[in-house]
Amino acid sequence: MDELPTELRRAVFEQCDRETVRSLRRASKAWAKIGEEYLLPSTFTTYPYRNDTDRLDSISQYEGLAKQIQRLCLNHGEINEWHARHNTYFLNYMRNSEEVSEEMATAWHHYNSLKKLMELYHLNSCTIERLEPIFARLPNLQSVEISLMNCIFYQEDDPLVLKQIWSIPSTRRVPREATVDRFTNILLALQTNAVTHLSHDRIPFEFFAQSEDVLEKVIPVFQRLTSVKLSMDLIDRPIDTESNHSKAFKNLSRFLRSTTGLRALELDFHGRRKVDLEPLFSSLCRHDFVFEHLEELTLKEFTSTEFAIGEFLAKQKSLKTLHLGGAGDKPKHHPPCGGVWLDEGSFKGLFERVDREMELESFLMQGDLLGLESNESWELEEPVAWEDLGDAPADIRPMAGNTD
């Protein structure tokens, strides 16, 4: 076997699972050296109740393994216990109470065990002091994905009820200050990496309203990105002043304008009401900014006007794929809530302008689409090409921007 060419040995390793790779590496020094790169998958995934940061630290200190890590998936999901306990009741109110009580007791005992581990490992897992030296030793890191929405109960012995209630949005907790701090620390620790893809599936919008000193330090990371996927959380709170809201949109525009090599962009604006994107479109227009290399664009859960959207889109001449709206973050069997509302103008006018001024390969619509002025309305659970949308006049015209 030692006489086999390197290419054939690699082909053998590619067909093996991790345990077989470990066994095969014991055959000889030559097999051990070639098989080193097959010991780890290219994606490293963390969970809040595991000591994954220490494990990644150990991997990063071994050059042969560190170079294998190309993608980090950081799961930061947490449970809102008050909502979670209520949701378990609604999921099981038709079942035998004694049977349900026993299941609930087992499930919450299991969760409390995980909660203790989360308090031990998760709270200090994203400090700059911990992450910066680790990231600096990952030379091939290309993608960082942070999630608060991915289910953290993935193991076979995790109670089914915990997995079921996770699908209900109110179960998932978003600790706003901690989430902003963690994301900021991750970006600060990535200063020396050549990361090209960044995503966060529930970043509080106040991240973009931080001090100028902080934003100046993290913006270089955005300058190197070719793919960005951000789902921003905007909620109506007394501390969300108009000035902070305006500052956040101004800085979001600034971050986007720094991504001059961007090829794929997805922005989702999650809140109790549809978010008006006029401040973002106006800022980009005011700076006469165009995404010169952008090929894929997805915008979800917002309100604007036919003119504002049309003006922004018509300038993106490199665009090939456009997706407006989405199903939204909703419980199963609920209608879609992640679509687009037009305060002025019509979808028909927007479609005609896009068709006339752009050369798209794909233009999809999805979610709750509503033209408040044109009386157009669709509910699309799945993406639909704009040419296939039939007429569906709205019977009810709710107050603009309200998705309660």
Protein backbone atom coordinates (compact mmCIF):
# COMPACT_ATOMS: atom_id res chain seq x y z
CA MET A 1 0.00 0.00 0.00
CA ASP A 2 2.92 2.33 0.62
CA GLU A 3 3.74 2.14 -3.09
CA LEU A 4 0.40 3.64 -4.14
CA PRO A 5 0.66 7.12 -5.67
CA THR A 6 -0.46 10.03 -3.51
CA GLU A 7 -3.50 10.71 -5.68
CA LEU A 8 -4.86 7.20 -5.10
CA ARG A 9 -4.25 7.43 -1.37
CA ARG A 10 -6.23 10.67 -1.28
CA ALA A 11 -9.02 8.96 -3.20
CA VAL A 12 -9.09 6.22 -0.57
CA PHE A 13 -9.28 8.73 2.30
CA GLU A 14 -12.11 10.59 0.58
CA GLN A 15 -14.26 7.45 0.78
CA CYS A 16 -13.63 6.88 4.49
CA ASP A 17 -15.50 8.06 7.56
CA ARG A 18 -13.59 9.76 10.40
CA GLU A 19 -13.01 6.55 12.38
CA THR A 20 -11.66 4.73 9.34
CA VAL A 21 -9.38 7.67 8.57
CA ARG A 22 -7.90 7.42 12.06
CA SER A 23 -7.29 3.70 11.66
CA LEU A 24 -5.79 4.03 8.19
CA ARG A 25 -3.34 6.70 9.36
CA ARG A 26 -1.76 4.13 11.69
CA ALA A 27 -0.57 2.08 8.69
CA SER A 28 2.59 4.15 8.15
CA LYS A 29 4.10 7.63 8.43
CA ALA A 30 3.28 8.30 4.77
CA TRP A 31 -0.38 7.37 5.26
CA ALA A 32 -0.49 9.39 8.49
CA LYS A 33 0.81 12.52 6.78
CA ILE A 34 -1.62 12.35 3.84
CA GLY A 35 -4.55 11.43 6.08
CA GLU A 36 -3.99 14.37 8.41
CA GLU A 37 -6.10 16.69 6.29
CA TYR A 38 -9.04 14.26 6.41
CA LEU A 39 -9.24 14.11 10.20
CA LEU A 40 -11.46 17.16 10.47
CA PRO A 41 -14.34 18.43 8.35
CA SER A 42 -13.84 21.91 6.90
CA THR A 43 -16.79 23.20 8.98
CA PHE A 44 -16.42 23.63 12.74
CA THR A 45 -19.74 23.95 14.59
CA THR A 46 -20.21 25.20 18.14
CA TYR A 47 -23.12 24.89 20.57
CA PRO A 48 -23.63 26.98 23.73
CA TYR A 49 -23.59 24.02 26.14
CA ARG A 50 -20.36 22.44 24.83
CA ASN A 51 -16.78 23.46 25.51
CA ASP A 52 -16.20 24.08 21.81
CA THR A 53 -14.07 27.20 22.21
CA ASP A 54 -11.39 25.25 24.08
CA ARG A 55 -11.61 22.50 21.47
CA LEU A 56 -11.15 25.03 18.64
CA ASP A 57 -8.25 26.56 20.56
CA SER A 58 -6.54 23.16 20.74
CA ILE A 59 -7.12 22.51 17.04
CA SER A 60 -5.76 25.93 16.09
CA GLN A 61 -2.48 25.22 17.87
CA TYR A 62 -1.77 22.27 15.58
CA GLU A 63 -0.87 23.59 12.15
CA GLY A 64 -1.88 20.48 10.25
CA LEU A 65 -5.42 20.62 11.67
CA ALA A 66 -5.81 24.40 11.85
CA LYS A 67 -5.49 24.79 8.09
CA GLN A 68 -8.46 22.46 7.57
CA ILE A 69 -10.95 24.87 9.19
CA GLN A 70 -12.58 26.99 6.49
CA ARG A 71 -16.01 27.64 7.98
CA LEU A 72 -17.24 28.43 11.50
CA CYS A 73 -20.89 27.93 12.47
CA LEU A 74 -21.42 29.49 15.88
CA ASN A 75 -24.77 28.52 17.41
CA HIS A 76 -25.67 30.98 20.18
CA GLY A 77 -29.32 30.00 20.58
CA GLU A 78 -31.02 30.34 23.96
CA ILE A 79 -34.49 29.58 25.31
CA ASN A 80 -36.95 32.12 26.66
CA GLU A 81 -38.15 29.91 29.50
CA TRP A 82 -41.36 31.81 30.22
CA HIS A 83 -42.57 31.54 26.61
CA ALA A 84 -41.17 28.04 26.23
CA ARG A 85 -43.20 26.65 29.14
CA HIS A 86 -46.37 28.26 27.81
CA ASN A 87 -45.66 26.90 24.33
CA THR A 88 -45.29 23.35 25.67
CA TYR A 89 -48.78 23.67 27.14
CA PHE A 90 -50.33 24.82 23.85
CA LEU A 91 -48.60 22.01 21.97
CA ASN A 92 -49.99 19.35 24.30
CA TYR A 93 -53.31 20.66 25.66
CA MET A 94 -55.30 17.89 23.93
CA ARG A 95 -53.25 15.05 25.45
CA ASN A 96 -53.55 13.13 28.71
CA SER A 97 -52.40 15.46 31.49
CA GLU A 98 -50.50 12.83 33.52
CA GLU A 99 -48.58 11.67 30.46
CA VAL A 100 -47.78 15.24 29.50
CA SER A 101 -46.65 16.13 33.04
CA GLU A 102 -44.19 13.27 33.06
CA GLU A 103 -42.78 14.25 29.67
CA MET A 104 -42.49 17.89 30.73
CA ALA A 105 -40.67 17.00 33.92
CA THR A 106 -38.16 14.89 31.95
CA ALA A 107 -37.71 17.58 29.29
CA TRP A 108 -37.10 20.42 31.73
CA HIS A 109 -34.76 18.33 33.84
CA HIS A 110 -32.76 17.69 30.65
CA TYR A 111 -32.82 21.38 29.75
CA ASN A 112 -31.67 22.45 33.24
CA SER A 113 -28.64 20.16 32.86
CA LEU A 114 -27.81 21.88 29.56
CA LYS A 115 -28.44 25.29 31.08
CA LYS A 116 -25.75 24.71 33.72
CA LEU A 117 -23.31 23.82 30.95
CA MET A 118 -24.30 26.95 29.02
CA GLU A 119 -23.57 29.10 32.06
CA LEU A 120 -20.19 27.39 32.34
CA TYR A 121 -19.09 27.56 28.70
CA HIS A 122 -21.12 30.08 26.72
CA LEU A 123 -20.94 33.27 28.79
CA ASN A 124 -17.20 33.82 28.20
CA SER A 125 -16.80 32.02 24.87
CA CYS A 126 -16.76 35.16 22.70
CA THR A 127 -14.37 37.53 24.42
CA ILE A 128 -11.72 39.18 22.24
CA GLU A 129 -8.99 37.72 24.44
CA ARG A 130 -10.27 34.18 23.72
CA LEU A 131 -11.09 34.53 20.03
CA GLU A 132 -8.31 36.71 18.62
CA PRO A 133 -5.40 34.25 19.06
CA ILE A 134 -7.58 31.36 17.89
CA PHE A 135 -8.70 33.08 14.68
CA ALA A 136 -5.16 34.25 13.99
CA ARG A 137 -4.09 30.60 13.80
CA LEU A 138 -6.78 29.62 11.25
CA PRO A 139 -5.12 30.61 7.94
CA ASN A 140 -7.85 29.26 5.64
CA LEU A 141 -10.92 30.56 7.47
CA GLN A 142 -13.32 31.92 4.83
CA SER A 143 -16.79 31.90 6.35
CA VAL A 144 -18.26 32.84 9.74
CA GLU A 145 -21.94 32.21 10.45
CA ILE A 146 -23.60 33.18 13.74
CA SER A 147 -27.04 31.83 14.59
CA LEU A 148 -29.58 32.37 17.34
CA MET A 149 -32.34 30.67 15.34
CA ASN A 150 -30.82 27.22 14.58
CA CYS A 151 -32.20 24.57 16.90
CA ILE A 152 -29.65 23.79 19.62
CA PHE A 153 -31.34 20.46 20.44
CA TYR A 154 -29.82 18.28 17.75
CA GLN A 155 -28.86 15.12 19.61
CA GLU A 156 -30.96 11.96 19.56
CA ASP A 157 -31.43 11.94 23.33
CA ASP A 158 -32.71 15.53 23.41
CA PRO A 159 -36.44 15.42 24.32
CA LEU A 160 -38.77 15.77 21.36
CA VAL A 161 -40.80 18.48 23.07
CA LEU A 162 -37.75 20.77 23.25
CA LYS A 163 -37.22 20.35 19.51
CA GLN A 164 -40.91 21.02 18.85
CA ILE A 165 -41.17 24.23 20.87
CA TRP A 166 -38.01 25.58 19.23
CA SER A 167 -40.00 25.89 15.99
CA ILE A 168 -42.21 28.50 17.70
CA PRO A 169 -40.46 31.89 17.35
CA SER A 170 -41.32 33.16 20.85
CA THR A 171 -39.37 30.24 22.36
CA ARG A 172 -36.07 31.62 21.06
CA ARG A 173 -34.50 34.24 23.28
CA VAL A 174 -32.52 37.17 21.86
CA PRO A 175 -30.34 38.67 24.61
CA ARG A 176 -29.82 41.97 22.86
CA GLU A 177 -26.80 43.43 24.66
CA ALA A 178 -24.95 40.12 24.83
CA THR A 179 -25.65 39.40 21.16
CA VAL A 180 -24.30 42.80 20.10
CA ASP A 181 -21.20 42.34 22.28
CA ARG A 182 -20.50 38.85 20.92
CA PHE A 183 -20.88 39.90 17.29
CA THR A 184 -18.66 42.93 17.86
CA ASN A 185 -15.98 40.79 19.53
CA ILE A 186 -16.11 38.23 16.72
CA LEU A 187 -15.56 40.97 14.13
CA LEU A 188 -12.75 42.54 16.14
CA ALA A 189 -11.06 39.15 16.42
CA LEU A 190 -11.28 38.63 12.64
CA GLN A 191 -9.02 41.55 11.76
CA THR A 192 -6.20 39.34 10.45
CA ASN A 193 -8.38 36.77 8.65
CA ALA A 194 -9.37 36.87 5.00
CA VAL A 195 -13.01 35.99 5.65
CA THR A 196 -15.21 36.46 2.57
CA HIS A 197 -18.61 35.31 3.87
CA LEU A 198 -20.38 36.62 6.98
CA SER A 199 -23.88 35.89 8.24
CA HIS A 200 -25.93 36.54 11.38
CA ASP A 201 -29.54 35.38 11.59
CA ARG A 202 -30.71 37.76 14.37
CA ILE A 203 -28.48 40.73 15.09
CA PRO A 204 -30.13 43.54 17.09
CA PHE A 205 -30.26 46.66 14.94
CA GLU A 206 -28.60 48.71 17.67
CA PHE A 207 -25.33 47.02 16.67
CA PHE A 208 -25.13 49.68 13.96
CA ALA A 209 -25.76 52.47 16.48
CA GLN A 210 -22.58 51.80 18.47
CA SER A 211 -19.84 54.36 19.03
CA GLU A 212 -17.75 55.58 16.13
CA ASP A 213 -14.58 54.09 17.65
CA VAL A 214 -16.06 50.57 17.66
CA LEU A 215 -17.44 50.77 14.13
CA GLU A 216 -14.15 52.07 12.76
CA LYS A 217 -12.42 48.96 14.09
CA VAL A 218 -14.88 46.42 12.66
CA ILE A 219 -15.55 47.94 9.25
CA PRO A 220 -12.30 46.57 7.70
CA VAL A 221 -13.75 43.07 8.04
CA PHE A 222 -16.71 44.11 5.87
CA GLN A 223 -14.39 45.55 3.24
CA ARG A 224 -13.08 42.08 2.41
CA LEU A 225 -16.47 40.37 2.15
CA THR A 226 -17.97 39.00 -1.05
CA SER A 227 -21.08 37.54 0.61
CA VAL A 228 -23.19 39.03 3.43
CA LYS A 229 -26.36 37.69 5.02
CA LEU A 230 -27.84 39.66 7.91
CA SER A 231 -31.20 39.32 9.63
CA MET A 232 -31.66 42.41 11.76
CA ASP A 233 -33.93 42.57 14.78
CA LEU A 234 -35.84 45.84 15.18
CA ILE A 235 -38.36 46.09 17.98
CA ASP A 236 -40.40 49.01 19.34
CA ARG A 237 -38.92 49.95 22.69
CA PRO A 238 -38.83 53.25 24.61
CA ILE A 239 -35.02 53.32 24.39
CA ASP A 240 -35.12 53.03 20.60
CA THR A 241 -35.02 56.75 19.97
CA GLU A 242 -35.44 58.29 16.54
CA SER A 243 -31.83 59.49 16.60
CA ASN A 244 -30.49 55.98 17.30
CA HIS A 245 -32.74 54.55 14.58
CA SER A 246 -31.43 57.11 12.08
CA LYS A 247 -27.83 56.52 13.19
CA ALA A 248 -28.20 52.76 12.73
CA PHE A 249 -29.50 53.14 9.17
CA LYS A 250 -26.74 55.61 8.38
CA ASN A 251 -24.09 53.17 9.60
CA LEU A 252 -25.70 50.19 7.86
CA SER A 253 -25.42 52.17 4.63
CA ARG A 254 -21.81 52.95 5.47
CA PHE A 255 -21.01 49.28 6.07
CA LEU A 256 -22.65 48.26 2.80
CA ARG A 257 -20.78 50.95 0.88
CA SER A 258 -17.51 49.54 2.22
CA THR A 259 -18.19 46.11 0.64
CA THR A 260 -17.01 47.09 -2.82
CA GLY A 261 -16.37 43.49 -3.88
CA LEU A 262 -19.73 42.15 -2.73
CA ARG A 263 -21.34 39.50 -4.97
CA ALA A 264 -24.20 38.20 -2.79
CA LEU A 265 -26.29 40.20 -0.32
CA GLU A 266 -29.27 39.20 1.81
CA LEU A 267 -30.92 41.60 4.27
CA ASP A 268 -33.89 40.72 6.47
CA PHE A 269 -35.54 43.26 8.79
CA HIS A 270 -37.39 41.46 11.56
CA GLY A 271 -39.74 43.38 13.84
CA ARG A 272 -43.29 43.79 15.03
CA ARG A 273 -43.93 46.11 12.09
CA LYS A 274 -42.61 46.26 8.56
CA VAL A 275 -39.51 48.44 8.52
CA ASP A 276 -39.43 51.39 6.15
CA LEU A 277 -36.21 51.14 4.10
CA GLU A 278 -36.45 54.67 2.73
CA PRO A 279 -33.55 55.85 4.97
CA LEU A 280 -31.30 53.10 3.59
CA PHE A 281 -32.23 53.62 -0.06
CA SER A 282 -31.89 57.41 0.33
CA SER A 283 -28.44 57.13 1.92
CA LEU A 284 -27.13 54.83 -0.82
CA CYS A 285 -28.60 57.13 -3.47
CA ARG A 286 -27.22 60.25 -1.80
CA HIS A 287 -23.72 58.78 -1.98
CA ASP A 288 -24.36 57.71 -5.58
CA PHE A 289 -23.33 54.19 -4.55
CA VAL A 290 -23.63 51.17 -6.83
CA PHE A 291 -22.75 47.54 -6.05
CA GLU A 292 -20.57 47.06 -9.11
CA HIS A 293 -20.08 43.31 -8.65
CA LEU A 294 -23.35 42.32 -6.97
CA GLU A 295 -24.98 39.31 -8.66
CA GLU A 296 -27.47 38.06 -6.04
CA LEU A 297 -29.75 40.27 -3.91
CA THR A 298 -32.43 39.27 -1.39
CA LEU A 299 -34.45 41.80 0.64
CA LYS A 300 -37.06 40.61 3.14
CA GLU A 301 -39.75 42.00 5.44
CA PHE A 302 -39.84 45.72 4.69
CA THR A 303 -41.98 48.53 3.36
CA SER A 304 -41.08 51.21 0.82
CA THR A 305 -42.40 52.78 -2.37
CA GLU A 306 -42.35 51.68 -5.98
CA PHE A 307 -40.12 54.64 -6.85
CA ALA A 308 -37.56 54.12 -4.05
CA ILE A 309 -37.15 50.39 -4.72
CA GLY A 310 -37.09 50.91 -8.46
CA GLU A 311 -34.45 53.65 -8.28
CA PHE A 312 -32.21 51.50 -6.12
CA LEU A 313 -32.59 48.33 -8.19
CA ALA A 314 -32.20 49.96 -11.59
CA LYS A 315 -28.67 51.09 -10.69
CA GLN A 316 -27.49 47.55 -9.93
CA LYS A 317 -26.55 46.62 -13.50
CA SER A 318 -24.49 43.55 -12.50
CA LEU A 319 -27.45 41.92 -10.74
CA LYS A 320 -28.53 38.50 -12.05
CA THR A 321 -30.78 37.15 -9.29
CA LEU A 322 -33.33 39.19 -7.32
CA HIS A 323 -35.52 37.87 -4.49
CA LEU A 324 -37.94 40.23 -2.73
CA GLY A 325 -39.71 38.98 0.41
CA GLY A 326 -39.62 35.71 2.32
CA ALA A 327 -41.81 33.37 4.34
CA GLY A 328 -40.84 35.13 7.57
CA ASP A 329 -40.10 33.85 11.05
CA LYS A 330 -43.44 32.27 11.90
CA PRO A 331 -44.96 29.21 13.56
CA LYS A 332 -45.84 26.24 11.38
CA HIS A 333 -49.08 26.59 9.39
CA HIS A 334 -49.21 30.37 9.92
CA PRO A 335 -49.41 32.61 6.85
CA PRO A 336 -46.18 34.15 5.51
CA CYS A 337 -45.11 37.41 7.14
CA GLY A 338 -41.74 38.25 5.57
CA GLY A 339 -42.95 39.99 2.44
CA VAL A 340 -42.87 43.51 0.99
CA TRP A 341 -45.43 46.31 1.32
CA LEU A 342 -45.64 49.31 -0.99
CA ASP A 343 -46.88 52.53 0.60
CA GLU A 344 -47.01 54.23 -2.79
CA GLY A 345 -47.11 52.99 -6.37
CA SER A 346 -47.79 49.44 -7.48
CA PHE A 347 -46.09 46.09 -7.87
CA LYS A 348 -47.15 46.11 -11.51
CA GLY A 349 -45.24 49.32 -12.08
CA LEU A 350 -42.20 47.95 -10.21
CA PHE A 351 -42.23 44.73 -12.25
CA GLU A 352 -42.48 46.63 -15.52
CA ARG A 353 -39.57 48.90 -14.63
CA VAL A 354 -37.35 46.01 -13.54
CA ASP A 355 -38.21 44.11 -16.71
CA ARG A 356 -37.51 47.17 -18.85
CA GLU A 357 -34.29 48.44 -17.22
CA MET A 358 -32.61 45.30 -15.87
CA GLU A 359 -31.39 42.04 -17.38
CA LEU A 360 -32.15 39.55 -14.63
CA GLU A 361 -31.88 35.80 -14.94
CA SER A 362 -34.27 35.27 -12.01
CA PHE A 363 -36.74 37.58 -10.21
CA LEU A 364 -38.70 35.93 -7.39
CA MET A 365 -41.34 37.24 -5.00
CA GLN A 366 -42.36 35.66 -1.69
CA GLY A 367 -44.33 36.32 1.49
CA ASP A 368 -47.15 38.76 2.19
CA LEU A 369 -47.11 41.28 -0.66
CA LEU A 370 -49.36 44.29 -0.30
CA GLY A 371 -49.78 47.45 -2.35
CA LEU A 372 -51.59 49.85 -0.05
CA GLU A 373 -52.27 52.34 -2.83
CA SER A 374 -52.77 49.89 -5.72
CA ASN A 375 -54.90 47.38 -3.78
CA GLU A 376 -52.65 44.49 -4.87
CA SER A 377 -52.19 41.54 -2.54
CA TRP A 378 -50.60 38.08 -2.55
CA GLU A 379 -49.69 35.51 0.10
CA LEU A 380 -46.85 33.36 -1.21
CA GLU A 381 -45.48 30.61 1.02
CA GLU A 382 -42.90 29.66 -1.62
CA PRO A 383 -40.91 31.85 -4.04
CA VAL A 384 -42.78 32.64 -7.28
CA ALA A 385 -41.44 34.25 -10.45
CA TRP A 386 -42.97 37.69 -10.92
CA GLU A 387 -44.33 36.74 -14.35
CA ASP A 388 -46.41 33.97 -12.72
CA LEU A 389 -48.18 36.21 -10.21
CA GLY A 390 -51.88 36.43 -10.90
CA ASP A 391 -54.19 39.28 -9.91
CA ALA A 392 -55.29 39.04 -6.28
CA PRO A 393 -56.97 42.25 -5.05
CA ALA A 394 -56.78 42.90 -1.32
CA ASP A 395 -59.98 42.62 0.70
CA ILE A 396 -58.48 44.20 3.81
CA ARG A 397 -56.04 47.10 3.88
CA PRO A 398 -54.36 47.24 7.32
CA MET A 399 -52.57 50.27 8.64
CA ALA A 400 -49.31 50.82 6.75
CA GLY A 401 -46.39 48.99 8.28
CA ASN A 402 -48.42 46.96 10.77
CA THR A 403 -47.74 43.24 10.93
CA ASP A 404 -49.09 42.59 14.44
